[in-house]
């Protein structure tokens, strides 16, 4: 498992923490789930020919 550190301004941190609380999840779980969703969205936007290039690397 990897660990990352990210600096957030106070306002964004407050908003992310509040969003996690509204969903009833931990800040960590909220961030992980949000990142997973973003990665899946981006991977669906990549054209098949670009995905094939990535597999060969």
C-alpha atoms as a PDB file:
ATOM      1  CA  UNK A   1       0.000   0.000   0.000  1.00  0.00           C
ATOM      2  CA  UNK A   2       1.332   3.439  -0.892  1.00  0.00           C
ATOM      3  CA  UNK A   3       1.012   6.570   1.191  1.00  0.00           C
ATOM      4  CA  UNK A   4       0.808  10.071  -0.255  1.00  0.00           C
ATOM      5  CA  UNK A   5       0.867  13.504   1.325  1.00  0.00           C
ATOM      6  CA  UNK A   6      -1.073  16.333  -0.262  1.00  0.00           C
ATOM      7  CA  UNK A   7      -1.132  19.948   0.854  1.00  0.00           C
ATOM      8  CA  UNK A   8      -4.622  21.456   0.740  1.00  0.00           C
ATOM      9  CA  UNK A   9      -5.564  24.996   1.506  1.00  0.00           C
ATOM     10  CA  UNK A  10      -7.696  25.334   4.629  1.00  0.00           C
ATOM     11  CA  UNK A  11     -10.897  26.042   2.702  1.00  0.00           C
ATOM     12  CA  UNK A  12     -10.620  22.948   0.479  1.00  0.00           C
ATOM     13  CA  UNK A  13      -9.744  20.782   3.475  1.00  0.00           C
ATOM     14  CA  UNK A  14     -12.832  22.038   5.298  1.00  0.00           C
ATOM     15  CA  UNK A  15     -15.051  21.311   2.273  1.00  0.00           C
ATOM     16  CA  UNK A  16     -13.646  17.816   1.730  1.00  0.00           C
ATOM     17  CA  UNK A  17     -13.987  16.983   5.414  1.00  0.00           C
ATOM     18  CA  UNK A  18     -17.580  18.248   5.419  1.00  0.00           C
ATOM     19  CA  UNK A  19     -18.434  16.252   2.281  1.00  0.00           C
ATOM     20  CA  UNK A  20     -17.061  13.098   3.906  1.00  0.00           C
ATOM     21  CA  UNK A  21     -19.089  13.753   7.039  1.00  0.00           C
ATOM     22  CA  UNK A  22     -22.263  14.281   5.017  1.00  0.00           C
ATOM     23  CA  UNK A  23     -21.736  10.873   3.413  1.00  0.00           C
ATOM     24  CA  UNK A  24     -20.960   9.302   6.770  1.00  0.00           C
ATOM     25  CA  UNK A  25     -17.497   8.115   5.764  1.00  0.00           C
ATOM     26  CA  UNK A  26     -13.992   8.857   6.935  1.00  0.00           C
ATOM     27  CA  UNK A  27     -11.934  11.508   5.208  1.00  0.00           C
ATOM     28  CA  UNK A  28      -9.594   8.786   3.959  1.00  0.00           C
ATOM     29  CA  UNK A  29     -12.430   6.702   2.513  1.00  0.00           C
ATOM     30  CA  UNK A  30     -13.947   9.765   0.875  1.00  0.00           C
ATOM     31  CA  UNK A  31     -10.648  10.711  -0.783  1.00  0.00           C
ATOM     32  CA  UNK A  32      -9.918   7.147  -1.935  1.00  0.00           C
ATOM     33  CA  UNK A  33     -13.417   6.692  -3.381  1.00  0.00           C
ATOM     34  CA  UNK A  34     -13.289  10.069  -5.107  1.00  0.00           C
ATOM     35  CA  UNK A  35      -9.893   9.294  -6.642  1.00  0.00           C
ATOM     36  CA  UNK A  36     -11.082   5.867  -7.804  1.00  0.00           C
ATOM     37  CA  UNK A  37     -14.053   7.481  -9.523  1.00  0.00           C
ATOM     38  CA  UNK A  38     -11.862  10.080 -11.206  1.00  0.00           C
ATOM     39  CA  UNK A  39      -9.438   7.440 -12.479  1.00  0.00           C
ATOM     40  CA  UNK A  40     -12.283   5.307 -13.847  1.00  0.00           C
ATOM     41  CA  UNK A  41     -13.793   8.336 -15.579  1.00  0.00           C
ATOM     42  CA  UNK A  42     -10.485   9.235 -17.216  1.00  0.00           C
ATOM     43  CA  UNK A  43      -9.848   5.641 -18.300  1.00  0.00           C
ATOM     44  CA  UNK A  44     -13.237   5.574 -20.044  1.00  0.00           C
ATOM     45  CA  UNK A  45     -12.319   8.743 -21.928  1.00  0.00           C
ATOM     46  CA  UNK A  46      -9.140   7.232 -23.394  1.00  0.00           C
ATOM     47  CA  UNK A  47      -9.619   5.981 -26.928  1.00  0.00           C
ATOM     48  CA  UNK A  48      -9.006   2.260 -27.572  1.00  0.00           C
ATOM     49  CA  UNK A  49      -5.939   2.976 -29.740  1.00  0.00           C
ATOM     50  CA  UNK A  50      -4.384   4.926 -26.860  1.00  0.00           C
ATOM     51  CA  UNK A  51      -5.170   2.108 -24.424  1.00  0.00           C
ATOM     52  CA  UNK A  52      -3.392  -0.368 -26.722  1.00  0.00           C
ATOM     53  CA  UNK A  53      -0.301   1.852 -26.754  1.00  0.00           C
ATOM     54  CA  UNK A  54      -0.341   1.955 -22.970  1.00  0.00           C
ATOM     55  CA  UNK A  55      -0.459  -1.837 -22.674  1.00  0.00           C
ATOM     56  CA  UNK A  56       2.677  -2.254 -24.749  1.00  0.00           C
ATOM     57  CA  UNK A  57       4.723   0.001 -22.466  1.00  0.00           C
END
